[in-house]
Structures are given as C-alpha cells and as structure tokens.
C-alpha cells in the first residue's frame, strides 16, 4: 500500500462479481455524515455491467419530487418502484452509486462491483418476498429514510458503453478508468506511485515480468505499491484500473 499506510488500517476496497438472476432488494448505504451515528459505515460503489440480458435495468436514485413522506407512503403501499429511477442497461455500461442513494439491481445483470470496504446495507423494500424461513426479511426503514434525507450526492449518471480509454468513476473514495487495448498493445505501471487494482473485463493480458502468467476475463489483481508491472494484450483486452484509494 505504500510507506504512509497505517499498519492497522483495513484494506479500503472490496471487489465483487454479482450474478443477479433475481431482482435484489431496494437498499441504501448511510452517507459518511451520519454513518457513525447509525452504527454503520458509508459505502460508495461502482457497477460495471459485464453482461446484461435484453431489457435488463437497475433502479438508482429517486424520481424528481419524491419526498420522505411520499417515500414512506410508497413503502406502506408496496409501490416503492414508482419512486425510483429505472435505468435500462447493457454490457459495458457503468454506474457510480454514492452513499445515500437508493438502489436495486434488476434480474439479468452480471456486474463487477467495486466499492468502499463496508458491510453496512439498509434494506428498505423487498418486493413482498419471503426469506428461507417463510417470513419477510428484516427491513431497516428508519435507517434508510435517515440515509435518504442526509444524501447530498447528485443523481446517478449512467455511462453508456463506449470504446477507448474513459474515466468511469471519480469520487473521494476511489477512481476507475477503462482502457481498451488492441491486439499487441502494452500497459505499464511503475513502482512507487500507488497500489492499484486491475480488472479484466474482456480479452486477456499476459504479464511480461512473470512468464506464463495471464489474466483473463473475470480476474482481478492487486498491483502493490512497490512493484513495477507490464502487460501485453495478445488478442486485445478491456481492463478497468481502480486507483487513488491509498491516500483516503
């Protein structure tokens, strides 16, 4: 992580592949301004859509004019989806979800989720489903509403698939950029700058320093602060580079 990193500090990022075959619950994570008071941790996250079925979508953010009172009424009436923006998505899209933003992932999406290291999730609505015990799963309505009211982030901005290098996420907690490498192209990461996370979302990378070591679709690797690394894309590749999390 680098010489300035405190030994006792946890690693700041979680990386997950989510295979969403069913619709997930409507959730929110507490903003940093109130997280400690609720006994939780903030979680800003980014979704990169590795695969999406035709017609797939996500819910992210509130529709204009939705107040706390209207949202509470929708919870009671089972119409929370009418309060949320529904965004049609396709493979290659990307969406940054700040702490405090109501969200839900619909069925038919395979998502690379890169997020703050946090285990705090408040479930506000579960589409009337029951848990494995035959009872409705626990909801966290008061915490969710408090998080919604404390949210000062702008509405989520869905970035649609595009070729070439592009910044997908830029926030206080981390940044993510995408690099599209044609066949034979190389990418290098010098030592002594910062730790980075490299995620392969298409194609293959071969490590030049380690003969026989390849990174393929789905692989995520940590490139430590102290190492210098170079890769070549023998058949082309698309990679995400997560960085700027060491100084946070």
C-alpha atoms as a PDB file:
ATOM      1  CA  UNK A   1       0.000   0.000   0.000  1.00  0.00           C
ATOM      2  CA  UNK A   2       2.987   2.311   0.392  1.00  0.00           C
ATOM      3  CA  UNK A   3       5.089   3.642   3.291  1.00  0.00           C
ATOM      4  CA  UNK A   4       2.418   6.074   4.535  1.00  0.00           C
ATOM      5  CA  UNK A   5      -0.235   3.390   5.009  1.00  0.00           C
ATOM      6  CA  UNK A   6      -1.021   2.705   8.718  1.00  0.00           C
ATOM      7  CA  UNK A   7      -0.364  -0.942   9.596  1.00  0.00           C
ATOM      8  CA  UNK A   8      -3.679  -1.341  11.433  1.00  0.00           C
ATOM      9  CA  UNK A   9      -5.854   0.199   8.714  1.00  0.00           C
ATOM     10  CA  UNK A  10      -8.037  -2.280   6.776  1.00  0.00           C
ATOM     11  CA  UNK A  11      -7.801  -2.606   3.021  1.00  0.00           C
ATOM     12  CA  UNK A  12     -10.154   0.127   1.715  1.00  0.00           C
ATOM     13  CA  UNK A  13     -11.757  -1.564  -1.314  1.00  0.00           C
ATOM     14  CA  UNK A  14     -13.978  -4.601  -1.925  1.00  0.00           C
ATOM     15  CA  UNK A  15     -14.270  -6.158  -5.393  1.00  0.00           C
ATOM     16  CA  UNK A  16     -17.191  -8.469  -6.215  1.00  0.00           C
ATOM     17  CA  UNK A  17     -18.746 -10.173  -9.203  1.00  0.00           C
ATOM     18  CA  UNK A  18     -22.549 -10.199  -8.825  1.00  0.00           C
ATOM     19  CA  UNK A  19     -24.580 -12.676 -10.884  1.00  0.00           C
ATOM     20  CA  UNK A  20     -28.078 -11.252 -10.424  1.00  0.00           C
ATOM     21  CA  UNK A  21     -30.570 -13.809 -11.668  1.00  0.00           C
ATOM     22  CA  UNK A  22     -33.306 -12.372  -9.457  1.00  0.00           C
ATOM     23  CA  UNK A  23     -34.191  -8.796  -8.572  1.00  0.00           C
ATOM     24  CA  UNK A  24     -32.352  -7.602  -5.467  1.00  0.00           C
ATOM     25  CA  UNK A  25     -33.952  -5.639  -2.641  1.00  0.00           C
ATOM     26  CA  UNK A  26     -34.106  -1.843  -2.594  1.00  0.00           C
ATOM     27  CA  UNK A  27     -31.139  -0.781  -0.486  1.00  0.00           C
ATOM     28  CA  UNK A  28     -29.204   2.239   0.686  1.00  0.00           C
ATOM     29  CA  UNK A  29     -25.896   2.743   2.477  1.00  0.00           C
ATOM     30  CA  UNK A  30     -25.512   5.571   5.003  1.00  0.00           C
ATOM     31  CA  UNK A  31     -23.698   8.766   3.961  1.00  0.00           C
ATOM     32  CA  UNK A  32     -20.463   9.467   5.815  1.00  0.00           C
ATOM     33  CA  UNK A  33     -22.087  12.367   7.682  1.00  0.00           C
ATOM     34  CA  UNK A  34     -24.464  10.071   9.610  1.00  0.00           C
ATOM     35  CA  UNK A  35     -22.980   6.578   9.266  1.00  0.00           C
ATOM     36  CA  UNK A  36     -21.238   6.534  12.642  1.00  0.00           C
ATOM     37  CA  UNK A  37     -24.361   7.807  14.395  1.00  0.00           C
ATOM     38  CA  UNK A  38     -26.318   4.881  12.935  1.00  0.00           C
ATOM     39  CA  UNK A  39     -23.608   2.402  13.924  1.00  0.00           C
ATOM     40  CA  UNK A  40     -22.663   1.737  10.310  1.00  0.00           C
ATOM     41  CA  UNK A  41     -20.151   2.585   7.606  1.00  0.00           C
ATOM     42  CA  UNK A  42     -20.594   4.507   4.337  1.00  0.00           C
ATOM     43  CA  UNK A  43     -20.330   2.624   1.065  1.00  0.00           C
ATOM     44  CA  UNK A  44     -19.913   4.288  -2.287  1.00  0.00           C
ATOM     45  CA  UNK A  45     -19.826   1.714  -5.068  1.00  0.00           C
ATOM     46  CA  UNK A  46     -19.462   1.454  -8.829  1.00  0.00           C
ATOM     47  CA  UNK A  47     -21.230  -1.055 -11.064  1.00  0.00           C
ATOM     48  CA  UNK A  48     -19.636  -2.141 -14.326  1.00  0.00           C
ATOM     49  CA  UNK A  49     -22.042  -4.246 -16.379  1.00  0.00           C
ATOM     50  CA  UNK A  50     -20.139  -7.229 -17.716  1.00  0.00           C
ATOM     51  CA  UNK A  51     -23.283  -8.803 -19.147  1.00  0.00           C
ATOM     52  CA  UNK A  52     -26.922  -7.725 -19.328  1.00  0.00           C
ATOM     53  CA  UNK A  53     -29.894  -9.542 -20.791  1.00  0.00           C
ATOM     54  CA  UNK A  54     -32.129  -7.772 -23.298  1.00  0.00           C
ATOM     55  CA  UNK A  55     -34.347  -5.339 -21.406  1.00  0.00           C
ATOM     56  CA  UNK A  56     -32.263  -5.508 -18.220  1.00  0.00           C
ATOM     57  CA  UNK A  57     -32.299  -2.499 -15.902  1.00  0.00           C
ATOM     58  CA  UNK A  58     -31.392  -1.155 -12.488  1.00  0.00           C
ATOM     59  CA  UNK A  59     -33.077   1.247 -10.094  1.00  0.00           C
ATOM     60  CA  UNK A  60     -30.896   4.129  -8.909  1.00  0.00           C
ATOM     61  CA  UNK A  61     -31.915   7.384  -7.274  1.00  0.00           C
ATOM     62  CA  UNK A  62     -35.282   8.998  -6.631  1.00  0.00           C
ATOM     63  CA  UNK A  63     -37.566  10.464  -9.230  1.00  0.00           C
ATOM     64  CA  UNK A  64     -37.992  14.253  -9.089  1.00  0.00           C
ATOM     65  CA  UNK A  65     -40.428  15.393  -6.429  1.00  0.00           C
ATOM     66  CA  UNK A  66     -40.195  12.278  -4.227  1.00  0.00           C
ATOM     67  CA  UNK A  67     -40.128  13.437  -0.595  1.00  0.00           C
ATOM     68  CA  UNK A  68     -39.633  11.443   2.583  1.00  0.00           C
ATOM     69  CA  UNK A  69     -43.390  11.486   3.178  1.00  0.00           C
ATOM     70  CA  UNK A  70     -44.128  10.177  -0.325  1.00  0.00           C
ATOM     71  CA  UNK A  71     -41.469   7.504   0.042  1.00  0.00           C
ATOM     72  CA  UNK A  72     -42.895   6.333   3.374  1.00  0.00           C
ATOM     73  CA  UNK A  73     -46.350   6.114   1.803  1.00  0.00           C
ATOM     74  CA  UNK A  74     -44.908   4.061  -1.066  1.00  0.00           C
ATOM     75  CA  UNK A  75     -43.289   1.630   1.393  1.00  0.00           C
ATOM     76  CA  UNK A  76     -46.649   1.059   3.062  1.00  0.00           C
ATOM     77  CA  UNK A  77     -48.441   0.731  -0.278  1.00  0.00           C
ATOM     78  CA  UNK A  78     -45.830  -1.557  -1.858  1.00  0.00           C
ATOM     79  CA  UNK A  79     -45.143   0.917  -4.674  1.00  0.00           C
ATOM     80  CA  UNK A  80     -41.533   1.882  -3.951  1.00  0.00           C
ATOM     81  CA  UNK A  81     -40.518   1.128  -7.546  1.00  0.00           C
ATOM     82  CA  UNK A  82     -42.675   4.089  -8.657  1.00  0.00           C
ATOM     83  CA  UNK A  83     -40.419   6.393  -6.620  1.00  0.00           C
ATOM     84  CA  UNK A  84     -37.156   5.218  -8.189  1.00  0.00           C
ATOM     85  CA  UNK A  85     -35.491   5.993 -11.498  1.00  0.00           C
ATOM     86  CA  UNK A  86     -35.327   2.857 -13.660  1.00  0.00           C
ATOM     87  CA  UNK A  87     -32.313   2.819 -15.972  1.00  0.00           C
ATOM     88  CA  UNK A  88     -32.045   0.457 -18.932  1.00  0.00           C
ATOM     89  CA  UNK A  89     -28.527  -1.003 -19.123  1.00  0.00           C
ATOM     90  CA  UNK A  90     -26.349  -3.043 -21.444  1.00  0.00           C
ATOM     91  CA  UNK A  91     -22.953  -4.705 -21.290  1.00  0.00           C
ATOM     92  CA  UNK A  92     -20.162  -2.143 -20.977  1.00  0.00           C
ATOM     93  CA  UNK A  93     -22.230   0.456 -19.116  1.00  0.00           C
ATOM     94  CA  UNK A  94     -21.044   1.826 -15.775  1.00  0.00           C
ATOM     95  CA  UNK A  95     -22.837   3.480 -12.869  1.00  0.00           C
ATOM     96  CA  UNK A  96     -21.446   5.198  -9.762  1.00  0.00           C
ATOM     97  CA  UNK A  97     -23.687   4.890  -6.697  1.00  0.00           C
ATOM     98  CA  UNK A  98     -22.806   7.286  -3.879  1.00  0.00           C
ATOM     99  CA  UNK A  99     -23.638   6.504  -0.259  1.00  0.00           C
ATOM    100  CA  UNK A 100     -27.181   7.651   0.478  1.00  0.00           C
ATOM    101  CA  UNK A 101     -28.549   6.732  -2.965  1.00  0.00           C
ATOM    102  CA  UNK A 102     -31.496   4.325  -3.041  1.00  0.00           C
ATOM    103  CA  UNK A 103     -30.799   1.492  -5.475  1.00  0.00           C
ATOM    104  CA  UNK A 104     -31.727  -2.005  -6.592  1.00  0.00           C
ATOM    105  CA  UNK A 105     -30.339  -4.333  -9.251  1.00  0.00           C
ATOM    106  CA  UNK A 106     -32.906  -5.994 -11.503  1.00  0.00           C
ATOM    107  CA  UNK A 107     -32.590  -9.536 -12.811  1.00  0.00           C
ATOM    108  CA  UNK A 108     -30.421 -10.372 -15.799  1.00  0.00           C
ATOM    109  CA  UNK A 109     -27.237  -8.497 -14.889  1.00  0.00           C
ATOM    110  CA  UNK A 110     -23.691  -9.690 -14.250  1.00  0.00           C
ATOM    111  CA  UNK A 111     -21.929  -6.812 -12.523  1.00  0.00           C
ATOM    112  CA  UNK A 112     -18.398  -6.059 -11.403  1.00  0.00           C
ATOM    113  CA  UNK A 113     -18.944  -4.096  -8.193  1.00  0.00           C
ATOM    114  CA  UNK A 114     -16.031  -2.040  -6.885  1.00  0.00           C
ATOM    115  CA  UNK A 115     -16.797  -0.359  -3.582  1.00  0.00           C
ATOM    116  CA  UNK A 116     -15.628   1.014  -0.281  1.00  0.00           C
ATOM    117  CA  UNK A 117     -14.790  -1.680   2.251  1.00  0.00           C
ATOM    118  CA  UNK A 118     -18.059  -1.597   4.198  1.00  0.00           C
ATOM    119  CA  UNK A 119     -20.588  -4.163   5.348  1.00  0.00           C
ATOM    120  CA  UNK A 120     -23.453  -1.766   6.082  1.00  0.00           C
ATOM    121  CA  UNK A 121     -26.587  -2.200   3.970  1.00  0.00           C
ATOM    122  CA  UNK A 122     -30.057  -0.963   4.901  1.00  0.00           C
ATOM    123  CA  UNK A 123     -32.879  -2.833   3.182  1.00  0.00           C
ATOM    124  CA  UNK A 124     -35.941  -0.629   2.779  1.00  0.00           C
ATOM    125  CA  UNK A 125     -38.122  -2.714   0.424  1.00  0.00           C
ATOM    126  CA  UNK A 126     -38.035  -6.347  -0.702  1.00  0.00           C
ATOM    127  CA  UNK A 127     -40.803  -6.585  -3.299  1.00  0.00           C
ATOM    128  CA  UNK A 128     -43.019  -8.551  -0.891  1.00  0.00           C
ATOM    129  CA  UNK A 129     -40.748 -11.603  -0.856  1.00  0.00           C
ATOM    130  CA  UNK A 130     -40.221 -14.036   1.978  1.00  0.00           C
ATOM    131  CA  UNK A 131     -36.950 -15.400   3.325  1.00  0.00           C
ATOM    132  CA  UNK A 132     -35.935 -19.042   3.595  1.00  0.00           C
ATOM    133  CA  UNK A 133     -37.839 -19.281   6.872  1.00  0.00           C
ATOM    134  CA  UNK A 134     -41.096 -18.304   5.163  1.00  0.00           C
ATOM    135  CA  UNK A 135     -41.168 -14.888   6.809  1.00  0.00           C
ATOM    136  CA  UNK A 136     -40.484 -11.465   5.293  1.00  0.00           C
ATOM    137  CA  UNK A 137     -36.840 -10.471   5.577  1.00  0.00           C
ATOM    138  CA  UNK A 138     -35.954  -7.739   8.064  1.00  0.00           C
ATOM    139  CA  UNK A 139     -36.225  -4.158   6.837  1.00  0.00           C
ATOM    140  CA  UNK A 140     -34.314  -1.118   8.089  1.00  0.00           C
ATOM    141  CA  UNK A 141     -36.830   1.596   7.329  1.00  0.00           C
ATOM    142  CA  UNK A 142     -35.799   4.284   9.831  1.00  0.00           C
ATOM    143  CA  UNK A 143     -32.106   3.991   8.947  1.00  0.00           C
ATOM    144  CA  UNK A 144     -32.937   4.026   5.233  1.00  0.00           C
ATOM    145  CA  UNK A 145     -35.064   7.148   5.498  1.00  0.00           C
ATOM    146  CA  UNK A 146     -32.383   8.903   7.559  1.00  0.00           C
ATOM    147  CA  UNK A 147     -29.806   8.000   4.912  1.00  0.00           C
ATOM    148  CA  UNK A 148     -32.076   9.268   2.160  1.00  0.00           C
ATOM    149  CA  UNK A 149     -32.572  12.614   3.912  1.00  0.00           C
ATOM    150  CA  UNK A 150     -28.838  13.047   4.571  1.00  0.00           C
ATOM    151  CA  UNK A 151     -27.925  12.296   0.952  1.00  0.00           C
ATOM    152  CA  UNK A 152     -26.350  15.247  -0.838  1.00  0.00           C
ATOM    153  CA  UNK A 153     -24.962  13.376  -3.848  1.00  0.00           C
ATOM    154  CA  UNK A 154     -26.058  14.197  -7.357  1.00  0.00           C
ATOM    155  CA  UNK A 155     -28.377  11.810  -9.178  1.00  0.00           C
ATOM    156  CA  UNK A 156     -26.528   8.780 -10.590  1.00  0.00           C
ATOM    157  CA  UNK A 157     -25.224   9.265 -14.123  1.00  0.00           C
ATOM    158  CA  UNK A 158     -25.241   6.104 -16.234  1.00  0.00           C
ATOM    159  CA  UNK A 159     -22.252   5.956 -18.570  1.00  0.00           C
ATOM    160  CA  UNK A 160     -23.125   4.008 -21.703  1.00  0.00           C
ATOM    161  CA  UNK A 161     -20.714   1.682 -23.430  1.00  0.00           C
ATOM    162  CA  UNK A 162     -18.018   3.473 -25.404  1.00  0.00           C
ATOM    163  CA  UNK A 163     -14.714   2.498 -26.966  1.00  0.00           C
ATOM    164  CA  UNK A 164     -11.320   3.857 -25.945  1.00  0.00           C
ATOM    165  CA  UNK A 165      -9.978   4.945 -22.570  1.00  0.00           C
ATOM    166  CA  UNK A 166     -12.511   6.580 -20.299  1.00  0.00           C
ATOM    167  CA  UNK A 167     -12.878   7.599 -16.655  1.00  0.00           C
ATOM    168  CA  UNK A 168     -15.798   5.599 -15.268  1.00  0.00           C
ATOM    169  CA  UNK A 169     -15.790   6.833 -11.681  1.00  0.00           C
ATOM    170  CA  UNK A 170     -14.164   9.772  -9.933  1.00  0.00           C
ATOM    171  CA  UNK A 171     -15.031  10.229  -6.279  1.00  0.00           C
ATOM    172  CA  UNK A 172     -13.363  10.869  -2.939  1.00  0.00           C
ATOM    173  CA  UNK A 173     -13.066   7.154  -2.199  1.00  0.00           C
ATOM    174  CA  UNK A 174     -11.519   5.888  -5.462  1.00  0.00           C
ATOM    175  CA  UNK A 175     -11.311   6.387  -9.195  1.00  0.00           C
ATOM    176  CA  UNK A 176     -11.840   3.863 -12.007  1.00  0.00           C
ATOM    177  CA  UNK A 177     -10.668   4.202 -15.586  1.00  0.00           C
ATOM    178  CA  UNK A 178     -11.213   1.886 -18.525  1.00  0.00           C
ATOM    179  CA  UNK A 179      -8.543   1.076 -21.085  1.00  0.00           C
ATOM    180  CA  UNK A 180      -9.303  -0.701 -24.356  1.00  0.00           C
ATOM    181  CA  UNK A 181      -6.130  -2.368 -25.638  1.00  0.00           C
ATOM    182  CA  UNK A 182      -5.900  -3.611 -29.240  1.00  0.00           C
ATOM    183  CA  UNK A 183      -4.034  -6.832 -30.006  1.00  0.00           C
ATOM    184  CA  UNK A 184      -0.346  -6.430 -29.225  1.00  0.00           C
ATOM    185  CA  UNK A 185      -0.755  -3.299 -27.098  1.00  0.00           C
ATOM    186  CA  UNK A 186       1.041  -2.983 -23.771  1.00  0.00           C
ATOM    187  CA  UNK A 187       0.280  -1.218 -20.497  1.00  0.00           C
ATOM    188  CA  UNK A 188       2.755  -0.497 -17.697  1.00  0.00           C
ATOM    189  CA  UNK A 189       2.509   0.528 -14.049  1.00  0.00           C
ATOM    190  CA  UNK A 190       5.676   1.986 -12.459  1.00  0.00           C
ATOM    191  CA  UNK A 191       6.795   1.190  -8.926  1.00  0.00           C
ATOM    192  CA  UNK A 192       6.485   3.693  -6.110  1.00  0.00           C
ATOM    193  CA  UNK A 193       3.356   5.516  -7.266  1.00  0.00           C
ATOM    194  CA  UNK A 194       0.396   3.809  -5.599  1.00  0.00           C
ATOM    195  CA  UNK A 195      -1.303   0.449  -5.258  1.00  0.00           C
ATOM    196  CA  UNK A 196      -3.832  -0.315  -7.984  1.00  0.00           C
ATOM    197  CA  UNK A 197      -6.452  -2.947  -8.760  1.00  0.00           C
ATOM    198  CA  UNK A 198      -6.506  -4.313 -12.302  1.00  0.00           C
ATOM    199  CA  UNK A 199      -9.719  -5.974 -13.531  1.00  0.00           C
ATOM    200  CA  UNK A 200     -10.000  -7.760 -16.860  1.00  0.00           C
ATOM    201  CA  UNK A 201     -13.499  -7.399 -18.328  1.00  0.00           C
ATOM    202  CA  UNK A 202     -12.701  -8.635 -21.852  1.00  0.00           C
ATOM    203  CA  UNK A 203      -9.848 -10.468 -23.555  1.00  0.00           C
ATOM    204  CA  UNK A 204      -6.525 -11.412 -21.955  1.00  0.00           C
ATOM    205  CA  UNK A 205      -3.381  -9.831 -20.542  1.00  0.00           C
ATOM    206  CA  UNK A 206      -0.007 -11.573 -20.323  1.00  0.00           C
ATOM    207  CA  UNK A 207       2.373 -10.415 -17.582  1.00  0.00           C
ATOM    208  CA  UNK A 208       5.790  -9.569 -19.032  1.00  0.00           C
ATOM    209  CA  UNK A 209       7.614  -9.910 -15.692  1.00  0.00           C
ATOM    210  CA  UNK A 210       6.167 -13.370 -14.966  1.00  0.00           C
ATOM    211  CA  UNK A 211       6.440 -15.803 -17.862  1.00  0.00           C
ATOM    212  CA  UNK A 212       3.347 -17.938 -18.257  1.00  0.00           C
ATOM    213  CA  UNK A 213       1.133 -15.711 -16.084  1.00  0.00           C
ATOM    214  CA  UNK A 214      -2.042 -14.482 -17.784  1.00  0.00           C
ATOM    215  CA  UNK A 215      -5.064 -12.523 -16.615  1.00  0.00           C
ATOM    216  CA  UNK A 216      -8.357 -13.400 -18.290  1.00  0.00           C
ATOM    217  CA  UNK A 217     -11.968 -12.240 -18.198  1.00  0.00           C
ATOM    218  CA  UNK A 218     -13.122 -12.071 -14.577  1.00  0.00           C
ATOM    219  CA  UNK A 219      -9.674 -11.803 -12.993  1.00  0.00           C
ATOM    220  CA  UNK A 220      -8.933  -9.021 -10.501  1.00  0.00           C
ATOM    221  CA  UNK A 221      -5.407  -8.463  -9.176  1.00  0.00           C
ATOM    222  CA  UNK A 222      -3.779  -6.076  -6.728  1.00  0.00           C
ATOM    223  CA  UNK A 223      -0.664  -4.358  -8.076  1.00  0.00           C
ATOM    224  CA  UNK A 224       1.311  -3.404  -4.950  1.00  0.00           C
ATOM    225  CA  UNK A 225       2.951  -0.011  -4.434  1.00  0.00           C
ATOM    226  CA  UNK A 226       6.481  -1.418  -4.517  1.00  0.00           C
ATOM    227  CA  UNK A 227       6.257  -3.373  -7.770  1.00  0.00           C
ATOM    228  CA  UNK A 228       6.624  -2.387 -11.420  1.00  0.00           C
ATOM    229  CA  UNK A 229       4.353  -4.326 -13.772  1.00  0.00           C
ATOM    230  CA  UNK A 230       3.899  -4.532 -17.535  1.00  0.00           C
ATOM    231  CA  UNK A 231       1.319  -6.449 -19.538  1.00  0.00           C
ATOM    232  CA  UNK A 232       0.632  -7.179 -23.193  1.00  0.00           C
ATOM    233  CA  UNK A 233      -2.786  -7.909 -24.698  1.00  0.00           C
ATOM    234  CA  UNK A 234      -2.062 -10.679 -27.243  1.00  0.00           C
ATOM    235  CA  UNK A 235      -5.612 -10.757 -28.605  1.00  0.00           C
ATOM    236  CA  UNK A 236      -6.857  -7.417 -27.294  1.00  0.00           C
ATOM    237  CA  UNK A 237      -8.350  -6.666 -23.882  1.00  0.00           C
ATOM    238  CA  UNK A 238     -10.520  -4.273 -21.932  1.00  0.00           C
ATOM    239  CA  UNK A 239      -9.339  -3.549 -18.397  1.00  0.00           C
ATOM    240  CA  UNK A 240     -10.512  -1.407 -15.503  1.00  0.00           C
ATOM    241  CA  UNK A 241      -7.899   0.267 -13.331  1.00  0.00           C
ATOM    242  CA  UNK A 242      -9.027   1.191  -9.817  1.00  0.00           C
ATOM    243  CA  UNK A 243      -6.719   3.686  -8.115  1.00  0.00           C
ATOM    244  CA  UNK A 244      -6.468   6.738  -5.869  1.00  0.00           C
ATOM    245  CA  UNK A 245      -7.668   4.814  -2.811  1.00  0.00           C
ATOM    246  CA  UNK A 246      -4.367   4.695  -0.878  1.00  0.00           C
ATOM    247  CA  UNK A 247      -4.463   8.260   0.396  1.00  0.00           C
ATOM    248  CA  UNK A 248      -8.054   8.193   1.575  1.00  0.00           C
END
